[in-house]
Amino acid sequence: MAMIVVLFNLKPGVSVADYEKFARETDLPIVNRLPSVNKFEVLKATGLLSGAPSPYQYIELLDIKDLGQLGKDVATEQMQKVAATFRSLADNPQFIVTETL
């Protein structure tokens, strides 16, 4: 089992309201239905524990059942549309693949 952590900020000119509407109404429900995904969450960063601002506005956590199946799932037409919308909103997202120790 793997976890994918995605760190990102919104592109200049993208409103928080537009991104969060997409996340709630499209991204979260569709990705959570994928056979390869146990759970998908989107977190809004509110700052660092030190009180400093967060370097990223949003964090996505994808608990993956099967990375091979994920490749098949994201190749579908529906997921290609979701991914294209995400890329139009997120500025250089960092996809970090992890595993539990």
PDB file of N, CA and C in Angstrom:
ATOM      1  N   MET A   1       0.847  -1.173   0.000  1.00  0.00           N
ATOM      2  CA  MET A   1       0.000   0.000   0.000  1.00  0.00           C
ATOM      3  C   MET A   1       0.896   1.240   0.000  1.00  0.00           C
ATOM      4  N   ALA A   2       0.469   2.248  -0.710  1.00  0.00           N
ATOM      5  CA  ALA A   2       1.234   3.493  -0.812  1.00  0.00           C
ATOM      6  C   ALA A   2       0.331   4.678  -0.501  1.00  0.00           C
ATOM      7  N   MET A   3       0.971   5.749  -0.144  1.00  0.00           N
ATOM      8  CA  MET A   3       0.271   7.018   0.051  1.00  0.00           C
ATOM      9  C   MET A   3       0.931   8.008  -0.888  1.00  0.00           C
ATOM     10  N   ILE A   4       0.114   8.771  -1.587  1.00  0.00           N
ATOM     11  CA  ILE A   4       0.627   9.860  -2.413  1.00  0.00           C
ATOM     12  C   ILE A   4       0.240  11.156  -1.733  1.00  0.00           C
ATOM     13  N   VAL A   5       1.243  11.994  -1.512  1.00  0.00           N
ATOM     14  CA  VAL A   5       1.047  13.303  -0.895  1.00  0.00           C
ATOM     15  C   VAL A   5       1.273  14.332  -1.991  1.00  0.00           C
ATOM     16  N   VAL A   6       0.308  15.224  -2.186  1.00  0.00           N
ATOM     17  CA  VAL A   6       0.417  16.256  -3.217  1.00  0.00           C
ATOM     18  C   VAL A   6       0.429  17.611  -2.521  1.00  0.00           C
ATOM     19  N   LEU A   7       1.485  18.372  -2.776  1.00  0.00           N
ATOM     20  CA  LEU A   7       1.633  19.710  -2.199  1.00  0.00           C
ATOM     21  C   LEU A   7       1.505  20.726  -3.321  1.00  0.00           C
ATOM     22  N   PHE A   8       0.677  21.758  -3.105  1.00  0.00           N
ATOM     23  CA  PHE A   8       0.535  22.743  -4.182  1.00  0.00           C
ATOM     24  C   PHE A   8      -0.080  24.045  -3.698  1.00  0.00           C
ATOM     25  N   ASN A   9       0.151  25.050  -4.504  1.00  0.00           N
ATOM     26  CA  ASN A   9      -0.505  26.354  -4.387  1.00  0.00           C
ATOM     27  C   ASN A   9      -1.368  26.529  -5.618  1.00  0.00           C
ATOM     28  N   LEU A  10      -2.281  27.459  -5.548  1.00  0.00           N
ATOM     29  CA  LEU A  10      -3.101  27.777  -6.714  1.00  0.00           C
ATOM     30  C   LEU A  10      -2.316  28.661  -7.669  1.00  0.00           C
ATOM     31  N   LYS A  11      -2.624  28.534  -8.939  1.00  0.00           N
ATOM     32  CA  LYS A  11      -2.005  29.401  -9.947  1.00  0.00           C
ATOM     33  C   LYS A  11      -2.445  30.842  -9.710  1.00  0.00           C
ATOM     34  N   PRO A  12      -1.607  31.792 -10.084  1.00  0.00           N
ATOM     35  CA  PRO A  12      -2.020  33.195  -9.975  1.00  0.00           C
ATOM     36  C   PRO A  12      -3.337  33.416 -10.719  1.00  0.00           C
ATOM     37  N   GLY A  13      -4.251  34.128 -10.091  1.00  0.00           N
ATOM     38  CA  GLY A  13      -5.534  34.421 -10.712  1.00  0.00           C
ATOM     39  C   GLY A  13      -6.621  33.401 -10.435  1.00  0.00           C
ATOM     40  N   VAL A  14      -6.269  32.232  -9.880  1.00  0.00           N
ATOM     41  CA  VAL A  14      -7.275  31.218  -9.546  1.00  0.00           C
ATOM     42  C   VAL A  14      -7.830  31.536  -8.163  1.00  0.00           C
ATOM     43  N   SER A  15      -9.136  31.612  -8.060  1.00  0.00           N
ATOM     44  CA  SER A  15      -9.740  31.941  -6.771  1.00  0.00           C
ATOM     45  C   SER A  15      -9.859  30.696  -5.895  1.00  0.00           C
ATOM     46  N   VAL A  16      -9.738  30.919  -4.605  1.00  0.00           N
ATOM     47  CA  VAL A  16      -9.922  29.847  -3.626  1.00  0.00           C
ATOM     48  C   VAL A  16     -11.315  29.236  -3.798  1.00  0.00           C
ATOM     49  N   ALA A  17     -12.325  30.070  -3.994  1.00  0.00           N
ATOM     50  CA  ALA A  17     -13.704  29.578  -4.153  1.00  0.00           C
ATOM     51  C   ALA A  17     -13.822  28.647  -5.358  1.00  0.00           C
ATOM     52  N   ASP A  18     -13.207  29.017  -6.484  1.00  0.00           N
ATOM     53  CA  ASP A  18     -13.275  28.165  -7.676  1.00  0.00           C
ATOM     54  C   ASP A  18     -12.580  26.829  -7.445  1.00  0.00           C
ATOM     55  N   TYR A  19     -11.379  26.860  -6.843  1.00  0.00           N
ATOM     56  CA  TYR A  19     -10.673  25.609  -6.594  1.00  0.00           C
ATOM     57  C   TYR A  19     -11.452  24.732  -5.616  1.00  0.00           C
ATOM     58  N   GLU A  20     -11.910  25.310  -4.522  1.00  0.00           N
ATOM     59  CA  GLU A  20     -12.585  24.510  -3.507  1.00  0.00           C
ATOM     60  C   GLU A  20     -13.909  23.941  -4.005  1.00  0.00           C
ATOM     61  N   LYS A  21     -14.581  24.649  -4.888  1.00  0.00           N
ATOM     62  CA  LYS A  21     -15.804  24.114  -5.515  1.00  0.00           C
ATOM     63  C   LYS A  21     -15.448  22.892  -6.367  1.00  0.00           C
ATOM     64  N   PHE A  22     -14.393  23.009  -7.172  1.00  0.00           N
ATOM     65  CA  PHE A  22     -13.935  21.877  -7.978  1.00  0.00           C
ATOM     66  C   PHE A  22     -13.562  20.697  -7.078  1.00  0.00           C
ATOM     67  N   ALA A  23     -12.817  20.967  -6.001  1.00  0.00           N
ATOM     68  CA  ALA A  23     -12.381  19.888  -5.105  1.00  0.00           C
ATOM     69  C   ALA A  23     -13.582  19.173  -4.497  1.00  0.00           C
ATOM     70  N   ARG A  24     -14.531  19.938  -3.967  1.00  0.00           N
ATOM     71  CA  ARG A  24     -15.690  19.348  -3.271  1.00  0.00           C
ATOM     72  C   ARG A  24     -16.659  18.641  -4.224  1.00  0.00           C
ATOM     73  N   GLU A  25     -16.935  19.277  -5.361  1.00  0.00           N
ATOM     74  CA  GLU A  25     -17.998  18.776  -6.244  1.00  0.00           C
ATOM     75  C   GLU A  25     -17.517  17.794  -7.304  1.00  0.00           C
ATOM     76  N   THR A  26     -16.238  17.836  -7.645  1.00  0.00           N
ATOM     77  CA  THR A  26     -15.736  16.993  -8.733  1.00  0.00           C
ATOM     78  C   THR A  26     -14.616  16.066  -8.272  1.00  0.00           C
ATOM     79  N   ASP A  27     -13.512  16.648  -7.838  1.00  0.00           N
ATOM     80  CA  ASP A  27     -12.306  15.881  -7.549  1.00  0.00           C
ATOM     81  C   ASP A  27     -12.523  14.843  -6.446  1.00  0.00           C
ATOM     82  N   LEU A  28     -12.983  15.275  -5.292  1.00  0.00           N
ATOM     83  CA  LEU A  28     -13.151  14.348  -4.165  1.00  0.00           C
ATOM     84  C   LEU A  28     -14.124  13.202  -4.471  1.00  0.00           C
ATOM     85  N   PRO A  29     -15.326  13.486  -4.977  1.00  0.00           N
ATOM     86  CA  PRO A  29     -16.240  12.365  -5.215  1.00  0.00           C
ATOM     87  C   PRO A  29     -15.748  11.395  -6.284  1.00  0.00           C
ATOM     88  N   ILE A  30     -15.167  11.905  -7.348  1.00  0.00           N
ATOM     89  CA  ILE A  30     -14.726  11.025  -8.440  1.00  0.00           C
ATOM     90  C   ILE A  30     -13.521  10.196  -8.016  1.00  0.00           C
ATOM     91  N   VAL A  31     -12.512  10.835  -7.440  1.00  0.00           N
ATOM     92  CA  VAL A  31     -11.301  10.099  -7.053  1.00  0.00           C
ATOM     93  C   VAL A  31     -11.607   9.094  -5.949  1.00  0.00           C
ATOM     94  N   ASN A  32     -12.493   9.423  -5.024  1.00  0.00           N
ATOM     95  CA  ASN A  32     -12.841   8.479  -3.962  1.00  0.00           C
ATOM     96  C   ASN A  32     -13.588   7.255  -4.477  1.00  0.00           C
ATOM     97  N   ARG A  33     -14.122   7.311  -5.683  1.00  0.00           N
ATOM     98  CA  ARG A  33     -14.803   6.152  -6.280  1.00  0.00           C
ATOM     99  C   ARG A  33     -13.866   5.269  -7.096  1.00  0.00           C
ATOM    100  N   LEU A  34     -12.622   5.692  -7.307  1.00  0.00           N
ATOM    101  CA  LEU A  34     -11.701   4.893  -8.120  1.00  0.00           C
ATOM    102  C   LEU A  34     -11.378   3.575  -7.415  1.00  0.00           C
ATOM    103  N   PRO A  35     -11.328   2.470  -8.171  1.00  0.00           N
ATOM    104  CA  PRO A  35     -11.010   1.169  -7.563  1.00  0.00           C
ATOM    105  C   PRO A  35      -9.643   1.131  -6.880  1.00  0.00           C
ATOM    106  N   SER A  36      -8.705   1.939  -7.343  1.00  0.00           N
ATOM    107  CA  SER A  36      -7.343   1.919  -6.806  1.00  0.00           C
ATOM    108  C   SER A  36      -7.169   2.745  -5.534  1.00  0.00           C
ATOM    109  N   VAL A  37      -8.193   3.502  -5.139  1.00  0.00           N
ATOM    110  CA  VAL A  37      -8.056   4.447  -4.033  1.00  0.00           C
ATOM    111  C   VAL A  37      -8.856   3.981  -2.817  1.00  0.00           C
ATOM    112  N   ASN A  38      -8.174   3.880  -1.670  1.00  0.00           N
ATOM    113  CA  ASN A  38      -8.854   3.615  -0.395  1.00  0.00           C
ATOM    114  C   ASN A  38      -9.547   4.876   0.095  1.00  0.00           C
ATOM    115  N   LYS A  39      -8.797   5.998   0.066  1.00  0.00           N
ATOM    116  CA  LYS A  39      -9.333   7.255   0.570  1.00  0.00           C
ATOM    117  C   LYS A  39      -8.556   8.411  -0.040  1.00  0.00           C
ATOM    118  N   PHE A  40      -9.281   9.482  -0.377  1.00  0.00           N
ATOM    119  CA  PHE A  40      -8.689  10.692  -0.928  1.00  0.00           C
ATOM    120  C   PHE A  40      -9.204  11.875  -0.127  1.00  0.00           C
ATOM    121  N   GLU A  41      -8.272  12.686   0.386  1.00  0.00           N
ATOM    122  CA  GLU A  41      -8.624  13.864   1.164  1.00  0.00           C
ATOM    123  C   GLU A  41      -7.894  15.083   0.615  1.00  0.00           C
ATOM    124  N   VAL A  42      -8.524  16.232   0.722  1.00  0.00           N
ATOM    125  CA  VAL A  42      -7.884  17.498   0.392  1.00  0.00           C
ATOM    126  C   VAL A  42      -7.871  18.333   1.668  1.00  0.00           C
ATOM    127  N   LEU A  43      -6.695  18.798   2.039  1.00  0.00           N
ATOM    128  CA  LEU A  43      -6.521  19.600   3.245  1.00  0.00           C
ATOM    129  C   LEU A  43      -6.104  21.007   2.861  1.00  0.00           C
ATOM    130  N   LYS A  44      -6.657  21.994   3.549  1.00  0.00           N
ATOM    131  CA  LYS A  44      -6.274  23.384   3.342  1.00  0.00           C
ATOM    132  C   LYS A  44      -5.294  23.762   4.446  1.00  0.00           C
ATOM    133  N   ALA A  45      -4.096  24.159   4.065  1.00  0.00           N
ATOM    134  CA  ALA A  45      -3.084  24.532   5.052  1.00  0.00           C
ATOM    135  C   ALA A  45      -3.455  25.867   5.684  1.00  0.00           C
ATOM    136  N   THR A  46      -3.291  25.927   7.000  1.00  0.00           N
ATOM    137  CA  THR A  46      -3.613  27.159   7.712  1.00  0.00           C
ATOM    138  C   THR A  46      -2.368  27.824   8.282  1.00  0.00           C
ATOM    139  N   GLY A  47      -1.228  27.195   8.145  1.00  0.00           N
ATOM    140  CA  GLY A  47       0.023  27.765   8.631  1.00  0.00           C
ATOM    141  C   GLY A  47       0.892  26.685   9.248  1.00  0.00           C
ATOM    142  N   LEU A  48       2.110  27.068   9.586  1.00  0.00           N
ATOM    143  CA  LEU A  48       3.028  26.161  10.260  1.00  0.00           C
ATOM    144  C   LEU A  48       2.800  26.245  11.766  1.00  0.00           C
ATOM    145  N   LEU A  49       3.164  25.211  12.478  1.00  0.00           N
ATOM    146  CA  LEU A  49       3.005  25.184  13.924  1.00  0.00           C
ATOM    147  C   LEU A  49       3.755  26.346  14.584  1.00  0.00           C
ATOM    148  N   SER A  50       4.834  26.783  13.951  1.00  0.00           N
ATOM    149  CA  SER A  50       5.621  27.898  14.487  1.00  0.00           C
ATOM    150  C   SER A  50       4.895  29.233  14.375  1.00  0.00           C
ATOM    151  N   GLY A  51       3.789  29.238  13.616  1.00  0.00           N
ATOM    152  CA  GLY A  51       3.059  30.478  13.396  1.00  0.00           C
ATOM    153  C   GLY A  51       3.364  31.115  12.058  1.00  0.00           C
ATOM    154  N   ALA A  52       4.383  30.610  11.380  1.00  0.00           N
ATOM    155  CA  ALA A  52       4.734  31.118  10.049  1.00  0.00           C
ATOM    156  C   ALA A  52       3.710  30.633   9.030  1.00  0.00           C
ATOM    157  N   PRO A  53       3.608  31.335   7.897  1.00  0.00           N
ATOM    158  CA  PRO A  53       2.695  30.868   6.856  1.00  0.00           C
ATOM    159  C   PRO A  53       3.202  29.568   6.232  1.00  0.00           C
ATOM    160  N   SER A  54       2.269  28.743   5.774  1.00  0.00           N
ATOM    161  CA  SER A  54       2.625  27.494   5.105  1.00  0.00           C
ATOM    162  C   SER A  54       3.199  27.794   3.722  1.00  0.00           C
ATOM    163  N   PRO A  55       4.202  27.030   3.296  1.00  0.00           N
ATOM    164  CA  PRO A  55       4.718  27.216   1.936  1.00  0.00           C
ATOM    165  C   PRO A  55       3.739  26.710   0.874  1.00  0.00           C
ATOM    166  N   TYR A  56       2.752  25.920   1.289  1.00  0.00           N
ATOM    167  CA  TYR A  56       1.746  25.387   0.365  1.00  0.00           C
ATOM    168  C   TYR A  56       0.349  25.712   0.886  1.00  0.00           C
ATOM    169  N   GLN A  57      -0.568  26.008  -0.040  1.00  0.00           N
ATOM    170  CA  GLN A  57      -1.952  26.294   0.328  1.00  0.00           C
ATOM    171  C   GLN A  57      -2.756  25.020   0.583  1.00  0.00           C
ATOM    172  N   TYR A  58      -2.442  23.948  -0.169  1.00  0.00           N
ATOM    173  CA  TYR A  58      -3.246  22.730  -0.114  1.00  0.00           C
ATOM    174  C   TYR A  58      -2.353  21.498  -0.085  1.00  0.00           C
ATOM    175  N   ILE A  59      -2.869  20.460   0.543  1.00  0.00           N
ATOM    176  CA  ILE A  59      -2.229  19.149   0.595  1.00  0.00           C
ATOM    177  C   ILE A  59      -3.297  18.120   0.242  1.00  0.00           C
ATOM    178  N   GLU A  60      -2.988  17.256  -0.687  1.00  0.00           N
ATOM    179  CA  GLU A  60      -3.873  16.136  -0.992  1.00  0.00           C
ATOM    180  C   GLU A  60      -3.230  14.864  -0.471  1.00  0.00           C
ATOM    181  N   LEU A  61      -4.041  13.994   0.099  1.00  0.00           N
ATOM    182  CA  LEU A  61      -3.581  12.697   0.583  1.00  0.00           C
ATOM    183  C   LEU A  61      -4.373  11.613  -0.131  1.00  0.00           C
ATOM    184  N   LEU A  62      -3.670  10.769  -0.863  1.00  0.00           N
ATOM    185  CA  LEU A  62      -4.305   9.662  -1.569  1.00  0.00           C
ATOM    186  C   LEU A  62      -3.776   8.355  -0.989  1.00  0.00           C
ATOM    187  N   ASP A  63      -4.643   7.618  -0.315  1.00  0.00           N
ATOM    188  CA  ASP A  63      -4.311   6.305   0.218  1.00  0.00           C
ATOM    189  C   ASP A  63      -4.607   5.305  -0.904  1.00  0.00           C
ATOM    190  N   ILE A  64      -3.556   4.723  -1.464  1.00  0.00           N
ATOM    191  CA  ILE A  64      -3.669   3.914  -2.677  1.00  0.00           C
ATOM    192  C   ILE A  64      -3.648   2.420  -2.352  1.00  0.00           C
ATOM    193  N   LYS A  65      -4.603   1.685  -2.908  1.00  0.00           N
ATOM    194  CA  LYS A  65      -4.644   0.230  -2.769  1.00  0.00           C
ATOM    195  C   LYS A  65      -3.625  -0.418  -3.692  1.00  0.00           C
ATOM    196  N   ASP A  66      -3.550   0.113  -4.942  1.00  0.00           N
ATOM    197  CA  ASP A  66      -2.760  -0.547  -5.984  1.00  0.00           C
ATOM    198  C   ASP A  66      -2.274   0.505  -6.980  1.00  0.00           C
ATOM    199  N   LEU A  67      -0.959   0.756  -6.988  1.00  0.00           N
ATOM    200  CA  LEU A  67      -0.408   1.771  -7.898  1.00  0.00           C
ATOM    201  C   LEU A  67      -0.605   1.395  -9.360  1.00  0.00           C
ATOM    202  N   GLY A  68      -0.521   0.098  -9.682  1.00  0.00           N
ATOM    203  CA  GLY A  68      -0.756  -0.345 -11.054  1.00  0.00           C
ATOM    204  C   GLY A  68      -2.167  -0.031 -11.507  1.00  0.00           C
ATOM    205  N   GLN A  69      -3.125  -0.298 -10.652  1.00  0.00           N
ATOM    206  CA  GLN A  69      -4.526   0.008 -10.961  1.00  0.00           C
ATOM    207  C   GLN A  69      -4.742   1.504 -11.053  1.00  0.00           C
ATOM    208  N   LEU A  70      -4.028   2.288 -10.230  1.00  0.00           N
ATOM    209  CA  LEU A  70      -4.151   3.743 -10.301  1.00  0.00           C
ATOM    210  C   LEU A  70      -3.804   4.240 -11.696  1.00  0.00           C
ATOM    211  N   GLY A  71      -2.758   3.680 -12.289  1.00  0.00           N
ATOM    212  CA  GLY A  71      -2.390   4.061 -13.651  1.00  0.00           C
ATOM    213  C   GLY A  71      -3.521   3.823 -14.639  1.00  0.00           C
ATOM    214  N   LYS A  72      -4.213   2.713 -14.485  1.00  0.00           N
ATOM    215  CA  LYS A  72      -5.363   2.409 -15.348  1.00  0.00           C
ATOM    216  C   LYS A  72      -6.519   3.368 -15.069  1.00  0.00           C
ATOM    217  N   ASP A  73      -6.744   3.647 -13.777  1.00  0.00           N
ATOM    218  CA  ASP A  73      -7.850   4.519 -13.395  1.00  0.00           C
ATOM    219  C   ASP A  73      -7.669   5.936 -13.942  1.00  0.00           C
ATOM    220  N   VAL A  74      -6.461   6.469 -13.856  1.00  0.00           N
ATOM    221  CA  VAL A  74      -6.246   7.852 -14.300  1.00  0.00           C
ATOM    222  C   VAL A  74      -6.194   7.974 -15.821  1.00  0.00           C
ATOM    223  N   ALA A  75      -6.117   6.838 -16.511  1.00  0.00           N
ATOM    224  CA  ALA A  75      -6.104   6.867 -17.973  1.00  0.00           C
ATOM    225  C   ALA A  75      -7.500   6.990 -18.579  1.00  0.00           C
ATOM    226  N   THR A  76      -8.548   6.883 -17.749  1.00  0.00           N
ATOM    227  CA  THR A  76      -9.904   6.969 -18.279  1.00  0.00           C
ATOM    228  C   THR A  76     -10.207   8.397 -18.740  1.00  0.00           C
ATOM    229  N   GLU A  77     -11.172   8.514 -19.629  1.00  0.00           N
ATOM    230  CA  GLU A  77     -11.547   9.833 -20.149  1.00  0.00           C
ATOM    231  C   GLU A  77     -12.017  10.758 -19.023  1.00  0.00           C
ATOM    232  N   GLN A  78     -12.812  10.225 -18.100  1.00  0.00           N
ATOM    233  CA  GLN A  78     -13.314  11.047 -16.998  1.00  0.00           C
ATOM    234  C   GLN A  78     -12.161  11.587 -16.151  1.00  0.00           C
ATOM    235  N   MET A  79     -11.204  10.712 -15.819  1.00  0.00           N
ATOM    236  CA  MET A  79     -10.088  11.163 -14.980  1.00  0.00           C
ATOM    237  C   MET A  79      -9.145  12.091 -15.751  1.00  0.00           C
ATOM    238  N   GLN A  80      -9.041  11.931 -17.048  1.00  0.00           N
ATOM    239  CA  GLN A  80      -8.219  12.853 -17.836  1.00  0.00           C
ATOM    240  C   GLN A  80      -8.812  14.258 -17.779  1.00  0.00           C
ATOM    241  N   LYS A  81     -10.139  14.351 -17.791  1.00  0.00           N
ATOM    242  CA  LYS A  81     -10.803  15.656 -17.670  1.00  0.00           C
ATOM    243  C   LYS A  81     -10.584  16.257 -16.281  1.00  0.00           C
ATOM    244  N   VAL A  82     -10.712  15.423 -15.252  1.00  0.00           N
ATOM    245  CA  VAL A  82     -10.481  15.889 -13.881  1.00  0.00           C
ATOM    246  C   VAL A  82      -9.039  16.372 -13.740  1.00  0.00           C
ATOM    247  N   ALA A  83      -8.092  15.596 -14.253  1.00  0.00           N
ATOM    248  CA  ALA A  83      -6.672  15.960 -14.164  1.00  0.00           C
ATOM    249  C   ALA A  83      -6.388  17.257 -14.913  1.00  0.00           C
ATOM    250  N   ALA A  84      -7.011  17.440 -16.062  1.00  0.00           N
ATOM    251  CA  ALA A  84      -6.798  18.669 -16.838  1.00  0.00           C
ATOM    252  C   ALA A  84      -7.315  19.877 -16.072  1.00  0.00           C
ATOM    253  N   THR A  85      -8.458  19.741 -15.440  1.00  0.00           N
ATOM    254  CA  THR A  85      -8.991  20.847 -14.633  1.00  0.00           C
ATOM    255  C   THR A  85      -8.061  21.131 -13.462  1.00  0.00           C
ATOM    256  N   PHE A  86      -7.602  20.079 -12.792  1.00  0.00           N
ATOM    257  CA  PHE A  86      -6.674  20.255 -11.671  1.00  0.00           C
ATOM    258  C   PHE A  86      -5.416  21.006 -12.129  1.00  0.00           C
ATOM    259  N   ARG A  87      -4.852  20.581 -13.259  1.00  0.00           N
ATOM    260  CA  ARG A  87      -3.636  21.243 -13.779  1.00  0.00           C
ATOM    261  C   ARG A  87      -3.894  22.705 -14.121  1.00  0.00           C
ATOM    262  N   SER A  88      -5.123  23.057 -14.494  1.00  0.00           N
ATOM    263  CA  SER A  88      -5.433  24.453 -14.819  1.00  0.00           C
ATOM    264  C   SER A  88      -5.538  25.315 -13.557  1.00  0.00           C
ATOM    265  N   LEU A  89      -5.697  24.683 -12.399  1.00  0.00           N
ATOM    266  CA  LEU A  89      -5.870  25.401 -11.137  1.00  0.00           C
ATOM    267  C   LEU A  89      -4.615  25.390 -10.258  1.00  0.00           C
ATOM    268  N   ALA A  90      -3.909  24.266 -10.244  1.00  0.00           N
ATOM    269  CA  ALA A  90      -2.766  24.070  -9.344  1.00  0.00           C
ATOM    270  C   ALA A  90      -1.465  24.471 -10.017  1.00  0.00           C
ATOM    271  N   ASP A  91      -0.637  25.191  -9.280  1.00  0.00           N
ATOM    272  CA  ASP A  91       0.646  25.683  -9.789  1.00  0.00           C
ATOM    273  C   ASP A  91       1.764  24.714  -9.401  1.00  0.00           C
ATOM    274  N   ASN A  92       2.232  23.940 -10.371  1.00  0.00           N
ATOM    275  CA  ASN A  92       3.361  23.031 -10.174  1.00  0.00           C
ATOM    276  C   ASN A  92       3.182  22.103  -8.967  1.00  0.00           C
ATOM    277  N   PRO A  93       2.118  21.304  -8.951  1.00  0.00           N
ATOM    278  CA  PRO A  93       1.909  20.395  -7.817  1.00  0.00           C
ATOM    279  C   PRO A  93       3.037  19.356  -7.717  1.00  0.00           C
ATOM    280  N   GLN A  94       3.403  19.046  -6.491  1.00  0.00           N
ATOM    281  CA  GLN A  94       4.439  18.053  -6.224  1.00  0.00           C
ATOM    282  C   GLN A  94       3.770  16.767  -5.752  1.00  0.00           C
ATOM    283  N   PHE A  95       3.897  15.689  -6.524  1.00  0.00           N
ATOM    284  CA  PHE A  95       3.313  14.387  -6.197  1.00  0.00           C
ATOM    285  C   PHE A  95       4.388  13.527  -5.566  1.00  0.00           C
ATOM    286  N   ILE A  96       4.260  13.263  -4.275  1.00  0.00           N
ATOM    287  CA  ILE A  96       5.272  12.519  -3.526  1.00  0.00           C
ATOM    288  C   ILE A  96       4.702  11.139  -3.208  1.00  0.00           C
ATOM    289  N   VAL A  97       5.316  10.095  -3.734  1.00  0.00           N
ATOM    290  CA  VAL A  97       4.884   8.719  -3.466  1.00  0.00           C
ATOM    291  C   VAL A  97       5.598   8.239  -2.210  1.00  0.00           C
ATOM    292  N   THR A  98       4.834   7.713  -1.251  1.00  0.00           N
ATOM    293  CA  THR A  98       5.408   7.283   0.015  1.00  0.00           C
ATOM    294  C   THR A  98       4.974   5.859   0.326  1.00  0.00           C
ATOM    295  N   GLU A  99       5.651   5.272   1.284  1.00  0.00           N
ATOM    296  CA  GLU A  99       5.221   3.977   1.822  1.00  0.00           C
ATOM    297  C   GLU A  99       5.409   4.017   3.329  1.00  0.00           C
ATOM    298  N   THR A 100       4.623   3.237   4.027  1.00  0.00           N
ATOM    299  CA  THR A 100       4.676   3.180   5.482  1.00  0.00           C
ATOM    300  C   THR A 100       5.903   2.398   5.931  1.00  0.00           C
ATOM    301  N   LEU A 101       6.577   2.894   6.949  1.00  0.00           N
ATOM    302  CA  LEU A 101       7.723   2.166   7.516  1.00  0.00           C
ATOM    303  C   LEU A 101       7.257   0.994   8.343  1.00  0.00           C
TER     304      LEU A 101
END
